PDB file of N, CA and C in Angstrom:
ATOM      1  N   UNK A   1     104.478  61.814  77.979  1.00  0.00           N
ATOM      2  CA  UNK A   1     105.412  62.691  78.673  1.00  0.00           C
ATOM      3  C   UNK A   1     106.752  62.663  77.941  1.00  0.00           C
ATOM      4  N   UNK A   2     107.336  63.814  77.702  1.00  0.00           N
ATOM      5  CA  UNK A   2     108.613  63.899  76.996  1.00  0.00           C
ATOM      6  C   UNK A   2     109.745  63.456  77.916  1.00  0.00           C
ATOM      7  N   UNK A   3     110.712  62.766  77.330  1.00  0.00           N
ATOM      8  CA  UNK A   3     111.843  62.326  78.135  1.00  0.00           C
ATOM      9  C   UNK A   3     112.798  63.491  78.357  1.00  0.00           C
ATOM     10  N   UNK A   4     113.576  63.392  79.427  1.00  0.00           N
ATOM     11  CA  UNK A   4     114.514  64.441  79.779  1.00  0.00           C
ATOM     12  C   UNK A   4     115.653  64.481  78.763  1.00  0.00           C
ATOM     13  N   UNK A   5     116.045  65.667  78.374  1.00  0.00           N
ATOM     14  CA  UNK A   5     117.115  65.863  77.406  1.00  0.00           C
ATOM     15  C   UNK A   5     118.446  65.435  78.014  1.00  0.00           C
ATOM     16  N   UNK A   6     119.210  64.626  77.282  1.00  0.00           N
ATOM     17  CA  UNK A   6     120.530  64.171  77.707  1.00  0.00           C
ATOM     18  C   UNK A   6     121.564  65.109  77.077  1.00  0.00           C
ATOM     19  N   UNK A   7     122.133  66.000  77.890  1.00  0.00           N
ATOM     20  CA  UNK A   7     123.052  67.021  77.393  1.00  0.00           C
ATOM     21  C   UNK A   7     124.248  66.407  76.680  1.00  0.00           C
ATOM     22  N   UNK A   8     124.879  65.424  77.290  1.00  0.00           N
ATOM     23  CA  UNK A   8     126.080  64.831  76.688  1.00  0.00           C
ATOM     24  C   UNK A   8     125.772  64.166  75.346  1.00  0.00           C
ATOM     25  N   UNK A   9     124.671  63.477  75.276  1.00  0.00           N
ATOM     26  CA  UNK A   9     124.272  62.839  74.023  1.00  0.00           C
ATOM     27  C   UNK A   9     123.948  63.902  72.968  1.00  0.00           C
ATOM     28  N   UNK A  10     123.252  64.947  73.367  1.00  0.00           N
ATOM     29  CA  UNK A  10     122.918  66.030  72.454  1.00  0.00           C
ATOM     30  C   UNK A  10     124.146  66.734  71.925  1.00  0.00           C
ATOM     31  N   UNK A  11     125.107  66.983  72.804  1.00  0.00           N
ATOM     32  CA  UNK A  11     126.350  67.636  72.403  1.00  0.00           C
ATOM     33  C   UNK A  11     127.142  66.761  71.433  1.00  0.00           C
ATOM     34  N   UNK A  12     127.199  65.463  71.705  1.00  0.00           N
ATOM     35  CA  UNK A  12     127.898  64.535  70.813  1.00  0.00           C
ATOM     36  C   UNK A  12     127.226  64.493  69.443  1.00  0.00           C
ATOM     37  N   UNK A  13     125.903  64.476  69.436  1.00  0.00           N
ATOM     38  CA  UNK A  13     125.167  64.458  68.174  1.00  0.00           C
ATOM     39  C   UNK A  13     125.386  65.755  67.397  1.00  0.00           C
ATOM     40  N   UNK A  14     125.455  66.859  68.111  1.00  0.00           N
ATOM     41  CA  UNK A  14     125.714  68.148  67.479  1.00  0.00           C
ATOM     42  C   UNK A  14     127.106  68.158  66.836  1.00  0.00           C
ATOM     43  N   UNK A  15     128.086  67.583  67.498  1.00  0.00           N
ATOM     44  CA  UNK A  15     129.437  67.494  66.936  1.00  0.00           C
ATOM     45  C   UNK A  15     129.454  66.666  65.652  1.00  0.00           C
ATOM     46  N   UNK A  16     128.697  65.563  65.633  1.00  0.00           N
ATOM     47  CA  UNK A  16     128.606  64.730  64.433  1.00  0.00           C
ATOM     48  C   UNK A  16     128.007  65.537  63.288  1.00  0.00           C
ATOM     49  N   UNK A  17     126.939  66.269  63.581  1.00  0.00           N
ATOM     50  CA  UNK A  17     126.286  67.089  62.555  1.00  0.00           C
ATOM     51  C   UNK A  17     127.250  68.129  62.002  1.00  0.00           C
ATOM     52  N   UNK A  18     127.981  68.788  62.871  1.00  0.00           N
ATOM     53  CA  UNK A  18     128.944  69.807  62.439  1.00  0.00           C
ATOM     54  C   UNK A  18     129.996  69.191  61.526  1.00  0.00           C
ATOM     55  N   UNK A  19     130.517  68.037  61.920  1.00  0.00           N
ATOM     56  CA  UNK A  19     131.531  67.374  61.094  1.00  0.00           C
ATOM     57  C   UNK A  19     130.984  67.001  59.715  1.00  0.00           C
ATOM     58  N   UNK A  20     129.751  66.508  59.669  1.00  0.00           N
ATOM     59  CA  UNK A  20     129.137  66.153  58.386  1.00  0.00           C
ATOM     60  C   UNK A  20     128.978  67.389  57.515  1.00  0.00           C
ATOM     61  N   UNK A  21     128.521  68.478  58.130  1.00  0.00           N
ATOM     62  CA  UNK A  21     128.295  69.688  57.351  1.00  0.00           C
ATOM     63  C   UNK A  21     129.612  70.301  56.874  1.00  0.00           C
ATOM     64  N   UNK A  22     130.641  70.217  57.697  1.00  0.00           N
ATOM     65  CA  UNK A  22     131.940  70.764  57.309  1.00  0.00           C
ATOM     66  C   UNK A  22     132.615  69.949  56.219  1.00  0.00           C
ATOM     67  N   UNK A  23     132.210  68.693  56.054  1.00  0.00           N
ATOM     68  CA  UNK A  23     132.825  67.844  55.034  1.00  0.00           C
ATOM     69  C   UNK A  23     132.528  68.345  53.629  1.00  0.00           C
ATOM     70  N   UNK A  24     131.402  69.032  53.463  1.00  0.00           N
ATOM     71  CA  UNK A  24     131.036  69.553  52.154  1.00  0.00           C
ATOM     72  C   UNK A  24     130.470  68.510  51.215  1.00  0.00           C
ATOM     73  N   UNK A  25     130.203  67.308  51.694  1.00  0.00           N
ATOM     74  CA  UNK A  25     129.715  66.213  50.858  1.00  0.00           C
ATOM     75  C   UNK A  25     128.196  66.084  50.853  1.00  0.00           C
ATOM     76  N   UNK A  26     127.497  66.991  51.481  1.00  0.00           N
ATOM     77  CA  UNK A  26     126.039  66.887  51.595  1.00  0.00           C
ATOM     78  C   UNK A  26     125.350  67.671  50.483  1.00  0.00           C
ATOM     79  N   UNK A  27     124.193  67.179  50.089  1.00  0.00           N
ATOM     80  CA  UNK A  27     123.362  67.925  49.147  1.00  0.00           C
ATOM     81  C   UNK A  27     122.765  69.119  49.883  1.00  0.00           C
ATOM     82  N   UNK A  28     122.214  70.049  49.145  1.00  0.00           N
ATOM     83  CA  UNK A  28     121.581  71.210  49.756  1.00  0.00           C
ATOM     84  C   UNK A  28     120.445  70.768  50.681  1.00  0.00           C
ATOM     85  N   UNK A  29     119.648  69.820  50.223  1.00  0.00           N
ATOM     86  CA  UNK A  29     118.529  69.324  51.023  1.00  0.00           C
ATOM     87  C   UNK A  29     119.018  68.695  52.328  1.00  0.00           C
ATOM     88  N   UNK A  30     120.050  67.855  52.236  1.00  0.00           N
ATOM     89  CA  UNK A  30     120.605  67.233  53.442  1.00  0.00           C
ATOM     90  C   UNK A  30     121.243  68.276  54.360  1.00  0.00           C
ATOM     91  N   UNK A  31     121.911  69.262  53.771  1.00  0.00           N
ATOM     92  CA  UNK A  31     122.517  70.335  54.575  1.00  0.00           C
ATOM     93  C   UNK A  31     121.457  71.070  55.378  1.00  0.00           C
ATOM     94  N   UNK A  32     120.334  71.372  54.735  1.00  0.00           N
ATOM     95  CA  UNK A  32     119.246  72.052  55.437  1.00  0.00           C
ATOM     96  C   UNK A  32     118.664  71.181  56.545  1.00  0.00           C
ATOM     97  N   UNK A  33     118.535  69.897  56.275  1.00  0.00           N
ATOM     98  CA  UNK A  33     118.005  68.962  57.269  1.00  0.00           C
ATOM     99  C   UNK A  33     118.930  68.927  58.495  1.00  0.00           C
ATOM    100  N   UNK A  34     120.225  68.806  58.242  1.00  0.00           N
ATOM    101  CA  UNK A  34     121.176  68.771  59.353  1.00  0.00           C
ATOM    102  C   UNK A  34     121.251  70.111  60.079  1.00  0.00           C
ATOM    103  N   UNK A  35     121.134  71.198  59.328  1.00  0.00           N
ATOM    104  CA  UNK A  35     121.150  72.521  59.945  1.00  0.00           C
ATOM    105  C   UNK A  35     119.977  72.675  60.903  1.00  0.00           C
ATOM    106  N   UNK A  36     118.789  72.289  60.450  1.00  0.00           N
ATOM    107  CA  UNK A  36     117.599  72.373  61.310  1.00  0.00           C
ATOM    108  C   UNK A  36     117.770  71.538  62.568  1.00  0.00           C
ATOM    109  N   UNK A  37     118.265  70.324  62.411  1.00  0.00           N
ATOM    110  CA  UNK A  37     118.483  69.454  63.575  1.00  0.00           C
ATOM    111  C   UNK A  37     119.538  70.066  64.503  1.00  0.00           C
ATOM    112  N   UNK A  38     120.591  70.633  63.905  1.00  0.00           N
ATOM    113  CA  UNK A  38     121.650  71.269  64.694  1.00  0.00           C
ATOM    114  C   UNK A  38     121.148  72.451  65.495  1.00  0.00           C
ATOM    115  N   UNK A  39     120.291  73.267  64.891  1.00  0.00           N
ATOM    116  CA  UNK A  39     119.720  74.411  65.601  1.00  0.00           C
ATOM    117  C   UNK A  39     118.880  73.924  66.777  1.00  0.00           C
ATOM    118  N   UNK A  40     118.088  72.887  66.552  1.00  0.00           N
ATOM    119  CA  UNK A  40     117.260  72.330  67.624  1.00  0.00           C
ATOM    120  C   UNK A  40     118.136  71.806  68.770  1.00  0.00           C
ATOM    121  N   UNK A  41     119.185  71.063  68.428  1.00  0.00           N
ATOM    122  CA  UNK A  41     120.086  70.540  69.459  1.00  0.00           C
ATOM    123  C   UNK A  41     120.806  71.666  70.195  1.00  0.00           C
ATOM    124  N   UNK A  42     121.226  72.692  69.461  1.00  0.00           N
ATOM    125  CA  UNK A  42     121.894  73.836  70.086  1.00  0.00           C
ATOM    126  C   UNK A  42     120.976  74.485  71.113  1.00  0.00           C
ATOM    127  N   UNK A  43     119.721  74.663  70.740  1.00  0.00           N
ATOM    128  CA  UNK A  43     118.754  75.279  71.663  1.00  0.00           C
ATOM    129  C   UNK A  43     118.541  74.413  72.894  1.00  0.00           C
ATOM    130  N   UNK A  44     118.449  73.100  72.693  1.00  0.00           N
ATOM    131  CA  UNK A  44     118.261  72.194  73.832  1.00  0.00           C
ATOM    132  C   UNK A  44     119.484  72.210  74.746  1.00  0.00           C
ATOM    133  N   UNK A  45     120.676  72.197  74.168  1.00  0.00           N
ATOM    134  CA  UNK A  45     121.907  72.240  74.971  1.00  0.00           C
ATOM    135  C   UNK A  45     121.990  73.562  75.739  1.00  0.00           C
ATOM    136  N   UNK A  46     121.677  74.652  75.066  1.00  0.00           N
ATOM    137  CA  UNK A  46     121.722  75.962  75.711  1.00  0.00           C
ATOM    138  C   UNK A  46     120.727  76.023  76.871  1.00  0.00           C
ATOM    139  N   UNK A  47     119.545  75.501  76.649  1.00  0.00           N
ATOM    140  CA  UNK A  47     118.527  75.484  77.694  1.00  0.00           C
ATOM    141  C   UNK A  47     118.976  74.642  78.886  1.00  0.00           C
ATOM    142  N   UNK A  48     119.572  73.487  78.610  1.00  0.00           N
ATOM    143  CA  UNK A  48     120.058  72.622  79.695  1.00  0.00           C
ATOM    144  C   UNK A  48     121.149  73.322  80.497  1.00  0.00           C
ATOM    145  N   UNK A  49     122.051  74.026  79.810  1.00  0.00           N
ATOM    146  CA  UNK A  49     123.116  74.754  80.516  1.00  0.00           C
ATOM    147  C   UNK A  49     122.552  75.903  81.352  1.00  0.00           C
ATOM    148  N   UNK A  50     121.576  76.597  80.803  1.00  0.00           N
ATOM    149  CA  UNK A  50     120.943  77.696  81.533  1.00  0.00           C
ATOM    150  C   UNK A  50     120.240  77.170  82.784  1.00  0.00           C
ATOM    151  N   UNK A  51     119.543  76.051  82.650  1.00  0.00           N
ATOM    152  CA  UNK A  51     118.874  75.441  83.802  1.00  0.00           C
ATOM    153  C   UNK A  51     119.887  75.027  84.872  1.00  0.00           C
ATOM    154  N   UNK A  52     120.982  74.413  84.444  1.00  0.00           N
ATOM    155  CA  UNK A  52     122.012  73.988  85.395  1.00  0.00           C
ATOM    156  C   UNK A  52     122.639  75.191  86.090  1.00  0.00           C
ATOM    157  N   UNK A  53     122.903  76.237  85.332  1.00  0.00           N
ATOM    158  CA  UNK A  53     123.475  77.458  85.908  1.00  0.00           C
ATOM    159  C   UNK A  53     122.531  78.056  86.949  1.00  0.00           C
ATOM    160  N   UNK A  54     121.247  78.050  86.651  1.00  0.00           N
ATOM    161  CA  UNK A  54     120.258  78.583  87.586  1.00  0.00           C
ATOM    162  C   UNK A  54     120.209  77.742  88.863  1.00  0.00           C
ATOM    163  N   UNK A  55     120.272  76.435  88.720  1.00  0.00           N
ATOM    164  CA  UNK A  55     120.258  75.554  89.902  1.00  0.00           C
ATOM    165  C   UNK A  55     121.480  75.805  90.783  1.00  0.00           C
ATOM    166  N   UNK A  56     122.651  75.943  90.151  1.00  0.00           N
ATOM    167  CA  UNK A  56     123.878  76.205  90.907  1.00  0.00           C
ATOM    168  C   UNK A  56     123.775  77.553  91.622  1.00  0.00           C
ATOM    169  N   UNK A  57     123.246  78.548  90.934  1.00  0.00           N
ATOM    170  CA  UNK A  57     123.093  79.877  91.529  1.00  0.00           C
ATOM    171  C   UNK A  57     122.172  79.823  92.745  1.00  0.00           C
ATOM    172  N   UNK A  58     121.050  79.130  92.610  1.00  0.00           N
ATOM    173  CA  UNK A  58     120.104  79.023  93.727  1.00  0.00           C
ATOM    174  C   UNK A  58     120.748  78.302  94.910  1.00  0.00           C
ATOM    175  N   UNK A  59     121.414  77.189  94.642  1.00  0.00           N
ATOM    176  CA  UNK A  59     122.060  76.440  95.723  1.00  0.00           C
ATOM    177  C   UNK A  59     123.171  77.253  96.377  1.00  0.00           C
ATOM    178  N   UNK A  60     123.918  77.994  95.577  1.00  0.00           N
ATOM    179  CA  UNK A  60     125.002  78.814  96.108  1.00  0.00           C
ATOM    180  C   UNK A  60     124.462  79.927  96.991  1.00  0.00           C
ATOM    181  N   UNK A  61     123.361  80.528  96.571  1.00  0.00           N
ATOM    182  CA  UNK A  61     122.769  81.600  97.374  1.00  0.00           C
ATOM    183  C   UNK A  61     122.235  81.058  98.688  1.00  0.00           C
ATOM    184  N   UNK A  62     121.640  79.872  98.656  1.00  0.00           N
ATOM    185  CA  UNK A  62     121.094  79.277  99.882  1.00  0.00           C
ATOM    186  C   UNK A  62     122.193  78.983 100.892  1.00  0.00           C
ATOM    187  N   UNK A  63     123.373  78.642 100.414  1.00  0.00           N
ATOM    188  CA  UNK A  63     124.485  78.300 101.303  1.00  0.00           C
ATOM    189  C   UNK A  63     125.488  79.438 101.460  1.00  0.00           C
ATOM    190  N   UNK A  64     125.133  80.611 100.959  1.00  0.00           N
ATOM    191  CA  UNK A  64     125.999  81.789 101.044  1.00  0.00           C
ATOM    192  C   UNK A  64     127.350  81.587 100.369  1.00  0.00           C
ATOM    193  N   UNK A  65     127.391  80.757  99.334  1.00  0.00           N
ATOM    194  CA  UNK A  65     128.632  80.579  98.595  1.00  0.00           C
ATOM    195  C   UNK A  65     128.935  81.766  97.703  1.00  0.00           C
ATOM    196  N   UNK A  66     127.958  82.643  97.541  1.00  0.00           N
ATOM    197  CA  UNK A  66     128.174  83.797  96.684  1.00  0.00           C
ATOM    198  C   UNK A  66     129.036  84.850  97.374  1.00  0.00           C
ATOM    199  N   UNK A  67     129.174  84.747  98.690  1.00  0.00           N
ATOM    200  CA  UNK A  67     130.020  85.689  99.423  1.00  0.00           C
ATOM    201  C   UNK A  67     131.480  85.271  99.301  1.00  0.00           C
ATOM    202  N   UNK A  68     132.320  86.255  99.034  1.00  0.00           N
ATOM    203  CA  UNK A  68     133.749  85.955  98.966  1.00  0.00           C
ATOM    204  C   UNK A  68     134.287  85.802 100.380  1.00  0.00           C
ATOM    205  N   UNK A  69     135.094  84.775 100.585  1.00  0.00           N
ATOM    206  CA  UNK A  69     135.678  84.513 101.886  1.00  0.00           C
ATOM    207  C   UNK A  69     137.171  84.339 101.714  1.00  0.00           C
ATOM    208  N   UNK A  70     137.947  84.790 102.676  1.00  0.00           N
ATOM    209  CA  UNK A  70     139.398  84.567 102.602  1.00  0.00           C
ATOM    210  C   UNK A  70     139.704  83.074 102.595  1.00  0.00           C
ATOM    211  N   UNK A  71     140.719  82.684 101.872  1.00  0.00           N
ATOM    212  CA  UNK A  71     141.094  81.287 101.737  1.00  0.00           C
ATOM    213  C   UNK A  71     141.354  80.649 103.097  1.00  0.00           C
ATOM    214  N   UNK A  72     141.908  81.389 104.019  1.00  0.00           N
ATOM    215  CA  UNK A  72     142.252  80.854 105.333  1.00  0.00           C
ATOM    216  C   UNK A  72     141.006  80.436 106.127  1.00  0.00           C
ATOM    217  N   UNK A  73     139.852  81.071 105.818  1.00  0.00           N
ATOM    218  CA  UNK A  73     138.608  80.767 106.541  1.00  0.00           C
ATOM    219  C   UNK A  73     137.944  79.486 106.056  1.00  0.00           C
ATOM    220  N   UNK A  74     138.395  78.900 104.950  1.00  0.00           N
ATOM    221  CA  UNK A  74     137.748  77.709 104.399  1.00  0.00           C
ATOM    222  C   UNK A  74     138.186  76.479 105.065  1.00  0.00           C
TER     223      UNK A  74
END
């Protein structure tokens, strides 16, 4: 069974990859390796954000948070 993706860890790893690639010190082969890993992490982060957004939307709809209410009514 695959372990659950850790968004914060993935985002931190993606930042490290970006910094390495921006340094310009990598060989073409290493650049491609990091690029591939970065694309994979980007997709995983995007998927995690989309899932979280969907969960918030569902919970908000169930509790009618999607309806605008005057501040005084809160």
